[in-house]
Each structure stands twice: as structure tokens, then as C-alpha cells.
Amino acid sequence: MQEERRREKKKIINKILQVVRENHTFFVSSHNRPDGDSIGAQLALGSFLKRLGKAVHIANRDPVPAVYQFLPHSSDIHTTEKVRKDFDVAFILDCSDVQRLGNIIDLKNRVKIIINMDHHEDCELFGDYNYVDPEASSVAEELYELFQDSHSGMTEEEALDLYVGILTDTGRFQEANASPRSHEIVAELIKKGVHPQIVAQNVYEARTLAGVKLLSLTLNTLAVTAFGKIAHLFITQDMYKESGGREEEVEGFVNFARDVRGVEVGLLFRETTLPHQFKVSMRSKGKIDVSKIARLFGGGGHRNAAGCTIQGTVEEVKQKIVNAISAEVK
């Protein structure tokens, strides 16, 4: 079975590389509210394509979070509501479904070939070519394999981009998706010149004062339920205003709920600017598949990290999610 998967992966990589060789204009994008994997993957892929003499346009609906702006050429990622150019090829990265792009481009009429690269188990195969590997820790890891098979080498900046993608999507290598292969790849990226300490300082040790104040307010909402198996946190719009913190600064807050001893699932409920709408982040220690819970509410993700958006009052939303998870708690 493993050998068959390797052959299939090689086959799709070779097809993608053929598409790259035969075309000239490329559009690269990822999901809204981009994270470390989507930003790192877009920058690495953009650089790779440009080295091959391709014309590349990278764009997202939401801006690059401040924490990732230390990455070289991060300003090359445009922020726009709509791209109105035509392209030979679109690389859509880290999107389990095409809706997560936020309708940034008319793929049907402005793109000849769609390449879908993702690592979510529930990914919709919306591309003309689908490189979807649920065993990969991240799209950055998938891109490493593609770069290797291209025999085009890798720059130090590309190695840094891929390292950030793998680092952040494995939760600092603490999640179950940090496989032996992930660590082998990271070792090679470090040999290319990546400095883990410097990356950690930029990604994890650069909170703003407002962001820390927001974290303080958030931790004050901590509550534990389901006989100590579920812990949850809340962030309201008033808390953003009081602290001055931004939505992009809440990455990692949910882990404080999961980190409580005895807790199996940590939850973070974030009030959006729309009435009675909450974004829910879920983190599991492994026994409970939170992607299954997220899918019940139109979301998705991985076994240990998932999310969804849900309508209702604070109490209604909390009750729906906690009830669904409680049914899985043994």
C-alpha cells in the first residue's frame, strides 16, 4: 500500500512539473486568513516558478499576517478582493474546498489549468490536477517533494519559507502530523541555511503588547466542562476593542485550553463582526477526531486541529459544539 501511494505521488508530481514546463503565466493563491503554511508555500512556489522563467502573480483575499512579514519577498503577495487577469495555470494551495479562496478569481473563465495542492483528508478534488496527500504535514512538505523531483535545486530563501510552513502546521513539531519524513525534510532545510532560533523568535516570540493584553482577557474566560475533558475560551468584539489586539494575533490561543491537564479537547470561540456568528477553533490531544466534529457544522481540518463557523448566541454556539464533542468523550 505504501509503495502504491509513493508511485501515485510521483505520478502526479511529474504531471504537475510537465504543466509547469509547458506553460508561462501562473496564478498562486491560498485560503482566506492565511497561516504560516499557506504563506510559506506561496512564497516558495512563487520563487521556484520565477527561477524557471515563469510570470507569477500571488494574491490572497487577506493580508500577510505581521508575524510572517519577516519572510523575504512577503510583499510580493498581493491583497485584493478580485483578480481580473487571465492565466495559463492556477496553483491553489492548502484549500480543502475552493470556497476557501473567497472568490478571489473566476477560475472557470480566467484559468486554463487548475492545480490543487492540499493535505487535508476531506479535500474536494476540484483541480484538473490534484496533489492531495493527507500523510503530509503541510503543503510546504508537499512542495519540498515537488522541488526535489524537479531537480532544479532550492534557494536558502525557499528553504526558509518551507521550514516556516512545516514548523507552524505541525505546532512546533508537537502535533501527530510531524512524521519521520517531516523531520527528515526539516533537517535538509536547516542544512540549506535555515536558523531555527531566528525563525522561532520571529514567529513565536514577537507578540505585540496589545496581543498579550488580548490573551490576558481571553484566558479570563477559561472554563472546563464534560468532567474536565473539554476546556473553552471566548473572544468577543469588545475584547478586541479593549485590548487593541487584532484577529490575526489569536493564533495559538486555543492551545492554552487544550494544555489544561486532563483536557482532551480545547476550544476557542471568536465572535465575528457579523451578528450572532462565531468562528470555532478546535484542538485535540489525539483521542477525539475534531475534524469530524467540525464537518458536522460545515467546517473541516485535521484529526487534532480543525475549525468551523457557526451561527447563534454565545450560549447556543457553546452548547452545540460541547454537546457534539461530549458525545465522543469516553
C-alpha atoms as a PDB file:
ATOM      1  CA  MET A   1       0.000   0.000   0.000  1.00  0.00           C
ATOM      2  CA  GLN A   2       2.775   2.444   0.907  1.00  0.00           C
ATOM      3  CA  GLU A   3       4.644   1.668  -2.289  1.00  0.00           C
ATOM      4  CA  GLU A   4       1.496   2.223  -4.338  1.00  0.00           C
ATOM      5  CA  ARG A   5       0.959   5.616  -2.661  1.00  0.00           C
ATOM      6  CA  ARG A   6       4.541   6.608  -3.421  1.00  0.00           C
ATOM      7  CA  ARG A   7       4.067   5.700  -7.084  1.00  0.00           C
ATOM      8  CA  GLU A   8       0.830   7.687  -7.285  1.00  0.00           C
ATOM      9  CA  LYS A   9       2.513  10.686  -5.647  1.00  0.00           C
ATOM     10  CA  LYS A  10       5.413  10.538  -8.085  1.00  0.00           C
ATOM     11  CA  LYS A  11       2.978  10.304 -10.969  1.00  0.00           C
ATOM     12  CA  ILE A  12       1.015  13.431 -10.011  1.00  0.00           C
ATOM     13  CA  ILE A  13       4.221  15.361  -9.253  1.00  0.00           C
ATOM     14  CA  ASN A  14       5.563  14.505 -12.716  1.00  0.00           C
ATOM     15  CA  LYS A  15       2.306  15.643 -14.313  1.00  0.00           C
ATOM     16  CA  ILE A  16       2.438  18.942 -12.441  1.00  0.00           C
ATOM     17  CA  LEU A  17       6.055  19.511 -13.442  1.00  0.00           C
ATOM     18  CA  GLN A  18       5.091  18.869 -17.062  1.00  0.00           C
ATOM     19  CA  VAL A  19       2.340  21.502 -16.768  1.00  0.00           C
ATOM     20  CA  VAL A  20       4.896  23.917 -15.325  1.00  0.00           C
ATOM     21  CA  ARG A  21       7.307  23.291 -18.184  1.00  0.00           C
ATOM     22  CA  GLU A  22       4.634  23.758 -20.861  1.00  0.00           C
ATOM     23  CA  ASN A  23       3.054  26.989 -19.573  1.00  0.00           C
ATOM     24  CA  HIS A  24       4.160  30.537 -18.846  1.00  0.00           C
ATOM     25  CA  THR A  25       1.708  32.552 -16.716  1.00  0.00           C
ATOM     26  CA  PHE A  26       0.861  31.362 -13.198  1.00  0.00           C
ATOM     27  CA  PHE A  27      -1.562  32.481 -10.500  1.00  0.00           C
ATOM     28  CA  VAL A  28      -0.839  31.365  -6.920  1.00  0.00           C
ATOM     29  CA  SER A  29      -3.305  31.698  -4.044  1.00  0.00           C
ATOM     30  CA  SER A  30      -4.463  30.116  -0.805  1.00  0.00           C
ATOM     31  CA  HIS A  31      -7.248  30.268   1.763  1.00  0.00           C
ATOM     32  CA  ASN A  32      -8.549  33.373   3.486  1.00  0.00           C
ATOM     33  CA  ARG A  33      -6.857  34.351   6.764  1.00  0.00           C
ATOM     34  CA  PRO A  34      -3.578  32.782   5.570  1.00  0.00           C
ATOM     35  CA  ASP A  35      -1.360  30.968   8.075  1.00  0.00           C
ATOM     36  CA  GLY A  36       2.306  30.011   8.156  1.00  0.00           C
ATOM     37  CA  ASP A  37       1.913  27.067   5.810  1.00  0.00           C
ATOM     38  CA  SER A  38      -0.086  28.954   3.185  1.00  0.00           C
ATOM     39  CA  ILE A  39       2.224  31.996   3.266  1.00  0.00           C
ATOM     40  CA  GLY A  40       5.439  29.947   3.252  1.00  0.00           C
ATOM     41  CA  ALA A  41       4.170  27.669   0.491  1.00  0.00           C
ATOM     42  CA  GLN A  42       3.067  30.558  -1.720  1.00  0.00           C
ATOM     43  CA  LEU A  43       6.397  32.355  -1.378  1.00  0.00           C
ATOM     44  CA  ALA A  44       8.445  29.210  -2.002  1.00  0.00           C
ATOM     45  CA  LEU A  45       6.370  28.207  -5.030  1.00  0.00           C
ATOM     46  CA  GLY A  46       6.446  31.738  -6.446  1.00  0.00           C
ATOM     47  CA  SER A  47      10.222  31.839  -6.158  1.00  0.00           C
ATOM     48  CA  PHE A  48      10.579  28.385  -7.720  1.00  0.00           C
ATOM     49  CA  LEU A  49       8.396  29.336 -10.716  1.00  0.00           C
ATOM     50  CA  LYS A  50      10.243  32.619 -11.245  1.00  0.00           C
ATOM     51  CA  ARG A  51      13.579  30.755 -11.261  1.00  0.00           C
ATOM     52  CA  LEU A  52      12.164  28.726 -14.131  1.00  0.00           C
ATOM     53  CA  GLY A  53      11.418  31.918 -16.064  1.00  0.00           C
ATOM     54  CA  LYS A  54       7.669  31.960 -15.409  1.00  0.00           C
ATOM     55  CA  ALA A  55       5.446  35.016 -14.911  1.00  0.00           C
ATOM     56  CA  VAL A  56       3.873  34.716 -11.455  1.00  0.00           C
ATOM     57  CA  HIS A  57       1.101  36.607  -9.655  1.00  0.00           C
ATOM     58  CA  ILE A  58       0.453  35.735  -5.982  1.00  0.00           C
ATOM     59  CA  ALA A  59      -2.684  37.091  -4.322  1.00  0.00           C
ATOM     60  CA  ASN A  60      -4.944  36.441  -1.328  1.00  0.00           C
ATOM     61  CA  ARG A  61      -8.149  37.972  -0.024  1.00  0.00           C
ATOM     62  CA  ASP A  62      -6.489  38.733   3.339  1.00  0.00           C
ATOM     63  CA  PRO A  63      -3.089  40.330   4.010  1.00  0.00           C
ATOM     64  CA  VAL A  64       0.049  38.555   5.162  1.00  0.00           C
ATOM     65  CA  PRO A  65      -0.087  38.428   8.984  1.00  0.00           C
ATOM     66  CA  ALA A  66       2.536  40.648  10.598  1.00  0.00           C
ATOM     67  CA  VAL A  67       4.260  37.652  12.178  1.00  0.00           C
ATOM     68  CA  TYR A  68       5.185  36.312   8.706  1.00  0.00           C
ATOM     69  CA  GLN A  69       6.285  39.585   7.150  1.00  0.00           C
ATOM     70  CA  PHE A  70       9.902  38.818   8.091  1.00  0.00           C
ATOM     71  CA  LEU A  71       9.939  36.281   5.257  1.00  0.00           C
ATOM     72  CA  PRO A  72      11.822  37.557   2.192  1.00  0.00           C
ATOM     73  CA  HIS A  73       9.567  38.974  -0.541  1.00  0.00           C
ATOM     74  CA  SER A  74       6.410  38.677   1.589  1.00  0.00           C
ATOM     75  CA  SER A  75       5.348  41.977  -0.005  1.00  0.00           C
ATOM     76  CA  ASP A  76       5.078  40.097  -3.318  1.00  0.00           C
ATOM     77  CA  ILE A  77       1.812  38.599  -2.035  1.00  0.00           C
ATOM     78  CA  HIS A  78      -0.914  40.984  -3.138  1.00  0.00           C
ATOM     79  CA  THR A  79      -4.086  41.593  -1.150  1.00  0.00           C
ATOM     80  CA  THR A  80      -7.188  42.050  -3.276  1.00  0.00           C
ATOM     81  CA  GLU A  81     -10.865  41.190  -3.464  1.00  0.00           C
ATOM     82  CA  LYS A  82     -10.732  40.190  -7.129  1.00  0.00           C
ATOM     83  CA  VAL A  83      -8.039  39.290  -9.657  1.00  0.00           C
ATOM     84  CA  ARG A  84      -9.133  40.204 -13.188  1.00  0.00           C
ATOM     85  CA  LYS A  85      -6.238  38.805 -15.229  1.00  0.00           C
ATOM     86  CA  ASP A  86      -6.031  35.633 -17.292  1.00  0.00           C
ATOM     87  CA  PHE A  87      -3.530  32.864 -16.544  1.00  0.00           C
ATOM     88  CA  ASP A  88      -2.360  29.601 -18.050  1.00  0.00           C
ATOM     89  CA  VAL A  89      -2.239  27.880 -14.657  1.00  0.00           C
ATOM     90  CA  ALA A  90      -3.562  28.474 -11.133  1.00  0.00           C
ATOM     91  CA  PHE A  91      -1.892  26.818  -8.145  1.00  0.00           C
ATOM     92  CA  ILE A  92      -4.450  26.698  -5.318  1.00  0.00           C
ATOM     93  CA  LEU A  93      -2.682  25.805  -2.080  1.00  0.00           C
ATOM     94  CA  ASP A  94      -3.956  24.497   1.258  1.00  0.00           C
ATOM     95  CA  CYS A  95      -7.669  24.757   0.390  1.00  0.00           C
ATOM     96  CA  SER A  96      -9.863  21.800   1.311  1.00  0.00           C
ATOM     97  CA  ASP A  97     -12.552  23.347  -0.889  1.00  0.00           C
ATOM     98  CA  VAL A  98     -12.471  26.093  -3.491  1.00  0.00           C
ATOM     99  CA  GLN A  99     -14.815  28.298  -1.446  1.00  0.00           C
ATOM    100  CA  ARG A 100     -11.975  28.967   0.995  1.00  0.00           C
ATOM    101  CA  LEU A 101     -10.372  31.128  -1.699  1.00  0.00           C
ATOM    102  CA  GLY A 102     -13.043  33.728  -1.038  1.00  0.00           C
ATOM    103  CA  ASN A 103     -13.987  34.022  -4.716  1.00  0.00           C
ATOM    104  CA  ILE A 104     -10.773  35.921  -5.417  1.00  0.00           C
ATOM    105  CA  ILE A 105     -10.692  34.803  -9.066  1.00  0.00           C
ATOM    106  CA  ASP A 106     -13.051  33.349 -11.651  1.00  0.00           C
ATOM    107  CA  LEU A 107     -11.237  30.027 -12.036  1.00  0.00           C
ATOM    108  CA  LYS A 108     -13.614  28.755 -14.682  1.00  0.00           C
ATOM    109  CA  ASN A 109     -13.102  31.634 -17.131  1.00  0.00           C
ATOM    110  CA  ARG A 110      -9.697  33.119 -16.279  1.00  0.00           C
ATOM    111  CA  VAL A 111      -7.583  29.983 -15.837  1.00  0.00           C
ATOM    112  CA  LYS A 112      -6.869  27.171 -18.286  1.00  0.00           C
ATOM    113  CA  ILE A 113      -5.472  24.623 -15.807  1.00  0.00           C
ATOM    114  CA  ILE A 114      -6.110  24.342 -12.048  1.00  0.00           C
ATOM    115  CA  ILE A 115      -3.585  22.589  -9.811  1.00  0.00           C
ATOM    116  CA  ASN A 116      -4.926  21.797  -6.355  1.00  0.00           C
ATOM    117  CA  MET A 117      -2.267  21.119  -3.697  1.00  0.00           C
ATOM    118  CA  ASP A 118      -3.559  20.225  -0.249  1.00  0.00           C
ATOM    119  CA  HIS A 119      -3.014  17.868   2.676  1.00  0.00           C
ATOM    120  CA  HIS A 120      -6.493  17.737   4.254  1.00  0.00           C
ATOM    121  CA  GLU A 121      -8.186  14.345   4.266  1.00  0.00           C
ATOM    122  CA  ASP A 122     -11.554  15.884   3.338  1.00  0.00           C
ATOM    123  CA  CYS A 123     -10.201  17.924   0.419  1.00  0.00           C
ATOM    124  CA  GLU A 124     -12.542  18.290  -2.538  1.00  0.00           C
ATOM    125  CA  LEU A 125     -10.703  17.321  -5.709  1.00  0.00           C
ATOM    126  CA  PHE A 126     -11.570  20.496  -7.593  1.00  0.00           C
ATOM    127  CA  GLY A 127      -8.416  20.740  -9.683  1.00  0.00           C
ATOM    128  CA  ASP A 128      -7.523  19.456 -13.114  1.00  0.00           C
ATOM    129  CA  TYR A 129      -4.550  18.021 -11.249  1.00  0.00           C
ATOM    130  CA  ASN A 130      -4.897  17.183  -7.553  1.00  0.00           C
ATOM    131  CA  TYR A 131      -1.789  16.669  -5.439  1.00  0.00           C
ATOM    132  CA  VAL A 132      -3.528  15.840  -2.160  1.00  0.00           C
ATOM    133  CA  ASP A 133      -1.510  13.906   0.401  1.00  0.00           C
ATOM    134  CA  PRO A 134      -3.154  13.565   3.855  1.00  0.00           C
ATOM    135  CA  GLU A 135       0.051  11.939   5.129  1.00  0.00           C
ATOM    136  CA  ALA A 136       1.996  15.162   4.513  1.00  0.00           C
ATOM    137  CA  SER A 137       2.262  17.527   7.450  1.00  0.00           C
ATOM    138  CA  SER A 138       1.710  20.567   5.266  1.00  0.00           C
ATOM    139  CA  VAL A 139       1.632  21.903   1.730  1.00  0.00           C
ATOM    140  CA  ALA A 140       5.187  23.072   2.390  1.00  0.00           C
ATOM    141  CA  GLU A 141       6.184  19.416   2.802  1.00  0.00           C
ATOM    142  CA  GLU A 142       4.463  18.521  -0.468  1.00  0.00           C
ATOM    143  CA  LEU A 143       6.282  21.350  -2.236  1.00  0.00           C
ATOM    144  CA  TYR A 144       9.619  20.064  -0.930  1.00  0.00           C
ATOM    145  CA  GLU A 145       8.939  16.753  -2.670  1.00  0.00           C
ATOM    146  CA  LEU A 146       7.953  18.571  -5.863  1.00  0.00           C
ATOM    147  CA  PHE A 147      11.101  20.715  -5.785  1.00  0.00           C
ATOM    148  CA  GLN A 148      13.252  17.611  -5.260  1.00  0.00           C
ATOM    149  CA  ASP A 149      11.711  15.817  -8.217  1.00  0.00           C
ATOM    150  CA  SER A 150      12.182  18.892 -10.421  1.00  0.00           C
ATOM    151  CA  HIS A 151      15.979  18.650  -9.979  1.00  0.00           C
ATOM    152  CA  SER A 152      16.060  22.475 -10.038  1.00  0.00           C
ATOM    153  CA  GLY A 153      17.669  22.873  -6.636  1.00  0.00           C
ATOM    154  CA  MET A 154      16.407  25.097  -3.849  1.00  0.00           C
ATOM    155  CA  THR A 155      17.463  28.533  -2.636  1.00  0.00           C
ATOM    156  CA  GLU A 156      18.086  29.395   1.014  1.00  0.00           C
ATOM    157  CA  GLU A 157      15.029  31.676   0.964  1.00  0.00           C
ATOM    158  CA  GLU A 158      12.820  28.885  -0.373  1.00  0.00           C
ATOM    159  CA  ALA A 159      14.138  26.581   2.357  1.00  0.00           C
ATOM    160  CA  LEU A 160      13.184  29.204   4.964  1.00  0.00           C
ATOM    161  CA  ASP A 161       9.677  29.505   3.507  1.00  0.00           C
ATOM    162  CA  LEU A 162       9.158  25.737   3.581  1.00  0.00           C
ATOM    163  CA  TYR A 163      10.580  25.463   7.103  1.00  0.00           C
ATOM    164  CA  VAL A 164       8.082  28.035   8.397  1.00  0.00           C
ATOM    165  CA  GLY A 165       5.254  26.130   6.706  1.00  0.00           C
ATOM    166  CA  ILE A 166       6.200  22.813   8.304  1.00  0.00           C
ATOM    167  CA  LEU A 167       7.038  24.364  11.688  1.00  0.00           C
ATOM    168  CA  THR A 168       3.710  26.137  12.065  1.00  0.00           C
ATOM    169  CA  ASP A 169       1.442  23.427  10.648  1.00  0.00           C
ATOM    170  CA  THR A 170       2.935  20.825  12.990  1.00  0.00           C
ATOM    171  CA  GLY A 171       2.556  23.120  16.006  1.00  0.00           C
ATOM    172  CA  ARG A 172       6.328  23.382  16.532  1.00  0.00           C
ATOM    173  CA  PHE A 173       6.619  19.654  15.682  1.00  0.00           C
ATOM    174  CA  GLN A 174       4.341  18.750  18.607  1.00  0.00           C
ATOM    175  CA  GLU A 175       1.330  17.510  16.614  1.00  0.00           C
ATOM    176  CA  ALA A 176       0.752  13.971  15.344  1.00  0.00           C
ATOM    177  CA  ASN A 177       1.298  15.097  11.739  1.00  0.00           C
ATOM    178  CA  ALA A 178       5.004  15.689  12.447  1.00  0.00           C
ATOM    179  CA  SER A 179       6.107  12.423  10.843  1.00  0.00           C
ATOM    180  CA  PRO A 180       9.610  10.976  10.462  1.00  0.00           C
ATOM    181  CA  ARG A 181       9.549  12.328   6.904  1.00  0.00           C
ATOM    182  CA  SER A 182       8.732  15.821   8.210  1.00  0.00           C
ATOM    183  CA  HIS A 183      11.807  15.735  10.431  1.00  0.00           C
ATOM    184  CA  GLU A 184      13.995  14.428   7.604  1.00  0.00           C
ATOM    185  CA  ILE A 185      12.880  17.307   5.387  1.00  0.00           C
ATOM    186  CA  VAL A 186      13.427  19.869   8.138  1.00  0.00           C
ATOM    187  CA  ALA A 187      16.955  18.560   8.641  1.00  0.00           C
ATOM    188  CA  GLU A 188      17.658  19.168   4.945  1.00  0.00           C
ATOM    189  CA  LEU A 189      16.169  22.665   5.129  1.00  0.00           C
ATOM    190  CA  ILE A 190      18.421  23.519   8.076  1.00  0.00           C
ATOM    191  CA  LYS A 191      21.404  22.320   6.048  1.00  0.00           C
ATOM    192  CA  LYS A 192      20.312  24.859   3.405  1.00  0.00           C
ATOM    193  CA  GLY A 193      20.884  27.659   5.910  1.00  0.00           C
ATOM    194  CA  VAL A 194      17.691  27.971   7.949  1.00  0.00           C
ATOM    195  CA  HIS A 195      18.302  29.133  11.548  1.00  0.00           C
ATOM    196  CA  PRO A 196      15.577  27.623  13.788  1.00  0.00           C
ATOM    197  CA  GLN A 197      16.266  30.019  16.676  1.00  0.00           C
ATOM    198  CA  ILE A 198      15.807  33.088  14.490  1.00  0.00           C
ATOM    199  CA  VAL A 199      12.614  31.680  12.993  1.00  0.00           C
ATOM    200  CA  ALA A 200      11.230  30.874  16.457  1.00  0.00           C
ATOM    201  CA  GLN A 201      11.973  34.411  17.642  1.00  0.00           C
ATOM    202  CA  ASN A 202      10.100  35.894  14.680  1.00  0.00           C
ATOM    203  CA  VAL A 203       7.134  33.532  14.749  1.00  0.00           C
ATOM    204  CA  TYR A 204       6.603  32.764  18.434  1.00  0.00           C
ATOM    205  CA  GLU A 205       8.375  35.491  20.412  1.00  0.00           C
ATOM    206  CA  ALA A 206       7.071  38.615  18.737  1.00  0.00           C
ATOM    207  CA  ARG A 207       3.641  39.238  20.259  1.00  0.00           C
ATOM    208  CA  THR A 208       2.567  42.877  20.441  1.00  0.00           C
ATOM    209  CA  LEU A 209       1.632  44.398  23.804  1.00  0.00           C
ATOM    210  CA  ALA A 210      -1.963  44.610  22.553  1.00  0.00           C
ATOM    211  CA  GLY A 211      -1.828  40.940  21.607  1.00  0.00           C
ATOM    212  CA  VAL A 212      -0.669  39.964  25.106  1.00  0.00           C
ATOM    213  CA  LYS A 213      -3.455  42.061  26.632  1.00  0.00           C
ATOM    214  CA  LEU A 214      -5.942  40.253  24.391  1.00  0.00           C
ATOM    215  CA  LEU A 215      -4.509  36.913  25.543  1.00  0.00           C
ATOM    216  CA  SER A 216      -4.950  38.010  29.173  1.00  0.00           C
ATOM    217  CA  LEU A 217      -8.609  38.873  28.581  1.00  0.00           C
ATOM    218  CA  THR A 218      -9.115  35.589  26.737  1.00  0.00           C
ATOM    219  CA  LEU A 219      -7.593  33.461  29.498  1.00  0.00           C
ATOM    220  CA  ASN A 220     -10.013  35.043  31.973  1.00  0.00           C
ATOM    221  CA  THR A 221     -12.844  33.301  30.081  1.00  0.00           C
ATOM    222  CA  LEU A 222     -11.359  29.814  30.536  1.00  0.00           C
ATOM    223  CA  ALA A 223     -13.894  27.212  31.650  1.00  0.00           C
ATOM    224  CA  VAL A 224     -13.787  23.419  31.842  1.00  0.00           C
ATOM    225  CA  THR A 225     -16.736  21.097  31.269  1.00  0.00           C
ATOM    226  CA  ALA A 226     -17.620  17.465  30.437  1.00  0.00           C
ATOM    227  CA  PHE A 227     -15.957  16.161  33.605  1.00  0.00           C
ATOM    228  CA  GLY A 228     -12.772  18.054  32.840  1.00  0.00           C
ATOM    229  CA  LYS A 229     -12.428  16.699  29.284  1.00  0.00           C
ATOM    230  CA  ILE A 230     -13.310  19.893  27.387  1.00  0.00           C
ATOM    231  CA  ALA A 231     -11.943  23.393  28.023  1.00  0.00           C
ATOM    232  CA  HIS A 232     -13.066  26.512  26.183  1.00  0.00           C
ATOM    233  CA  LEU A 233     -12.144  30.165  25.735  1.00  0.00           C
ATOM    234  CA  PHE A 234     -14.086  33.088  24.254  1.00  0.00           C
ATOM    235  CA  ILE A 235     -13.081  36.253  22.432  1.00  0.00           C
ATOM    236  CA  THR A 236     -15.701  38.949  21.865  1.00  0.00           C
ATOM    237  CA  GLN A 237     -15.536  42.041  19.678  1.00  0.00           C
ATOM    238  CA  ASP A 238     -15.457  44.142  22.857  1.00  0.00           C
ATOM    239  CA  MET A 239     -12.272  42.316  23.918  1.00  0.00           C
ATOM    240  CA  TYR A 240     -10.586  43.260  20.636  1.00  0.00           C
ATOM    241  CA  LYS A 241     -11.536  46.906  21.239  1.00  0.00           C
ATOM    242  CA  GLU A 242     -10.478  46.913  24.890  1.00  0.00           C
ATOM    243  CA  SER A 243      -7.057  45.364  24.239  1.00  0.00           C
ATOM    244  CA  GLY A 244      -6.321  46.797  20.804  1.00  0.00           C
ATOM    245  CA  GLY A 245      -5.402  43.262  19.699  1.00  0.00           C
ATOM    246  CA  ARG A 246      -6.095  42.052  16.173  1.00  0.00           C
ATOM    247  CA  GLU A 247      -7.752  38.877  14.989  1.00  0.00           C
ATOM    248  CA  GLU A 248      -4.532  37.651  13.375  1.00  0.00           C
ATOM    249  CA  GLU A 249      -2.869  37.671  16.822  1.00  0.00           C
ATOM    250  CA  VAL A 250      -5.097  34.945  18.288  1.00  0.00           C
ATOM    251  CA  GLU A 251      -3.201  32.123  16.567  1.00  0.00           C
ATOM    252  CA  GLY A 252      -2.181  29.663  19.255  1.00  0.00           C
ATOM    253  CA  PHE A 253      -4.627  30.938  21.904  1.00  0.00           C
ATOM    254  CA  VAL A 254      -6.708  27.760  21.634  1.00  0.00           C
ATOM    255  CA  ASN A 255      -3.722  25.699  22.778  1.00  0.00           C
ATOM    256  CA  PHE A 256      -3.983  27.220  26.261  1.00  0.00           C
ATOM    257  CA  ALA A 257      -7.351  25.495  26.621  1.00  0.00           C
ATOM    258  CA  ARG A 258      -6.028  22.177  25.362  1.00  0.00           C
ATOM    259  CA  ASP A 259      -2.959  22.420  27.602  1.00  0.00           C
ATOM    260  CA  VAL A 260      -5.005  22.050  30.801  1.00  0.00           C
ATOM    261  CA  ARG A 261      -4.203  18.746  32.481  1.00  0.00           C
ATOM    262  CA  GLY A 262      -6.875  16.120  31.854  1.00  0.00           C
ATOM    263  CA  VAL A 263      -8.472  18.037  28.988  1.00  0.00           C
ATOM    264  CA  GLU A 264      -8.944  16.127  25.727  1.00  0.00           C
ATOM    265  CA  VAL A 265     -10.256  18.979  23.542  1.00  0.00           C
ATOM    266  CA  GLY A 266      -9.577  22.711  23.712  1.00  0.00           C
ATOM    267  CA  LEU A 267     -11.955  25.189  22.072  1.00  0.00           C
ATOM    268  CA  LEU A 268     -11.704  28.852  21.163  1.00  0.00           C
ATOM    269  CA  PHE A 269     -14.883  30.733  20.222  1.00  0.00           C
ATOM    270  CA  ARG A 270     -14.281  34.036  18.395  1.00  0.00           C
ATOM    271  CA  GLU A 271     -17.109  36.462  17.810  1.00  0.00           C
ATOM    272  CA  THR A 272     -17.036  37.876  14.281  1.00  0.00           C
ATOM    273  CA  THR A 273     -18.239  41.297  13.163  1.00  0.00           C
ATOM    274  CA  LEU A 274     -21.447  39.688  11.848  1.00  0.00           C
ATOM    275  CA  PRO A 275     -24.376  39.357  14.276  1.00  0.00           C
ATOM    276  CA  HIS A 276     -24.532  36.029  16.118  1.00  0.00           C
ATOM    277  CA  GLN A 277     -21.650  34.458  14.228  1.00  0.00           C
ATOM    278  CA  PHE A 278     -18.669  32.700  15.810  1.00  0.00           C
ATOM    279  CA  LYS A 279     -15.532  31.086  14.464  1.00  0.00           C
ATOM    280  CA  VAL A 280     -14.605  27.973  16.405  1.00  0.00           C
ATOM    281  CA  SER A 281     -11.082  26.573  16.669  1.00  0.00           C
ATOM    282  CA  MET A 282     -10.714  23.022  17.992  1.00  0.00           C
ATOM    283  CA  ARG A 283      -7.593  21.237  19.216  1.00  0.00           C
ATOM    284  CA  SER A 284      -7.447  17.620  20.350  1.00  0.00           C
ATOM    285  CA  LYS A 285      -4.791  15.667  22.200  1.00  0.00           C
ATOM    286  CA  GLY A 286      -5.442  12.731  19.888  1.00  0.00           C
ATOM    287  CA  LYS A 287      -8.266  10.584  21.203  1.00  0.00           C
ATOM    288  CA  ILE A 288     -11.033  12.660  19.613  1.00  0.00           C
ATOM    289  CA  ASP A 289     -11.155  13.474  15.893  1.00  0.00           C
ATOM    290  CA  VAL A 290     -12.127  17.155  15.912  1.00  0.00           C
ATOM    291  CA  SER A 291     -12.248  17.310  12.108  1.00  0.00           C
ATOM    292  CA  LYS A 292     -15.282  15.013  12.358  1.00  0.00           C
ATOM    293  CA  ILE A 293     -16.929  17.485  14.745  1.00  0.00           C
ATOM    294  CA  ALA A 294     -16.038  20.460  12.538  1.00  0.00           C
ATOM    295  CA  ARG A 295     -17.577  18.806   9.479  1.00  0.00           C
ATOM    296  CA  LEU A 296     -20.898  18.498  11.329  1.00  0.00           C
ATOM    297  CA  PHE A 297     -21.019  22.307  11.253  1.00  0.00           C
ATOM    298  CA  GLY A 298     -19.716  22.861   7.723  1.00  0.00           C
ATOM    299  CA  GLY A 299     -16.038  23.144   8.659  1.00  0.00           C
ATOM    300  CA  GLY A 300     -13.078  20.811   8.414  1.00  0.00           C
ATOM    301  CA  GLY A 301      -9.393  20.322   9.153  1.00  0.00           C
ATOM    302  CA  HIS A 302      -7.245  17.585  10.652  1.00  0.00           C
ATOM    303  CA  ARG A 303      -7.834  14.989  13.337  1.00  0.00           C
ATOM    304  CA  ASN A 304      -6.138  17.106  16.009  1.00  0.00           C
ATOM    305  CA  ALA A 305      -6.776  20.601  14.627  1.00  0.00           C
ATOM    306  CA  ALA A 306      -9.970  21.788  12.968  1.00  0.00           C
ATOM    307  CA  GLY A 307     -12.439  24.616  12.851  1.00  0.00           C
ATOM    308  CA  CYS A 308     -15.791  25.890  11.647  1.00  0.00           C
ATOM    309  CA  THR A 309     -18.032  28.947  11.573  1.00  0.00           C
ATOM    310  CA  ILE A 310     -21.376  28.704  13.326  1.00  0.00           C
ATOM    311  CA  GLN A 311     -24.413  30.923  13.890  1.00  0.00           C
ATOM    312  CA  GLY A 312     -26.111  31.562  17.229  1.00  0.00           C
ATOM    313  CA  THR A 313     -25.748  33.296  20.555  1.00  0.00           C
ATOM    314  CA  VAL A 314     -22.737  32.643  22.751  1.00  0.00           C
ATOM    315  CA  GLU A 315     -24.598  30.062  24.810  1.00  0.00           C
ATOM    316  CA  GLU A 316     -26.220  28.376  21.803  1.00  0.00           C
ATOM    317  CA  VAL A 317     -22.902  28.025  19.960  1.00  0.00           C
ATOM    318  CA  LYS A 318     -21.095  26.729  23.026  1.00  0.00           C
ATOM    319  CA  GLN A 319     -23.821  24.192  23.742  1.00  0.00           C
ATOM    320  CA  LYS A 320     -23.916  22.870  20.170  1.00  0.00           C
ATOM    321  CA  ILE A 321     -20.154  22.306  19.981  1.00  0.00           C
ATOM    322  CA  VAL A 322     -19.715  20.997  23.532  1.00  0.00           C
ATOM    323  CA  ASN A 323     -22.645  18.570  23.104  1.00  0.00           C
ATOM    324  CA  ALA A 324     -21.187  17.237  19.857  1.00  0.00           C
ATOM    325  CA  ILE A 325     -17.769  16.683  21.422  1.00  0.00           C
ATOM    326  CA  SER A 326     -19.202  15.269  24.663  1.00  0.00           C
ATOM    327  CA  ALA A 327     -20.848  12.517  22.620  1.00  0.00           C
ATOM    328  CA  GLU A 328     -17.324  11.430  21.557  1.00  0.00           C
ATOM    329  CA  VAL A 329     -15.749  11.642  25.035  1.00  0.00           C
ATOM    330  CA  LYS A 330     -15.363   8.252  26.619  1.00  0.00           C
END
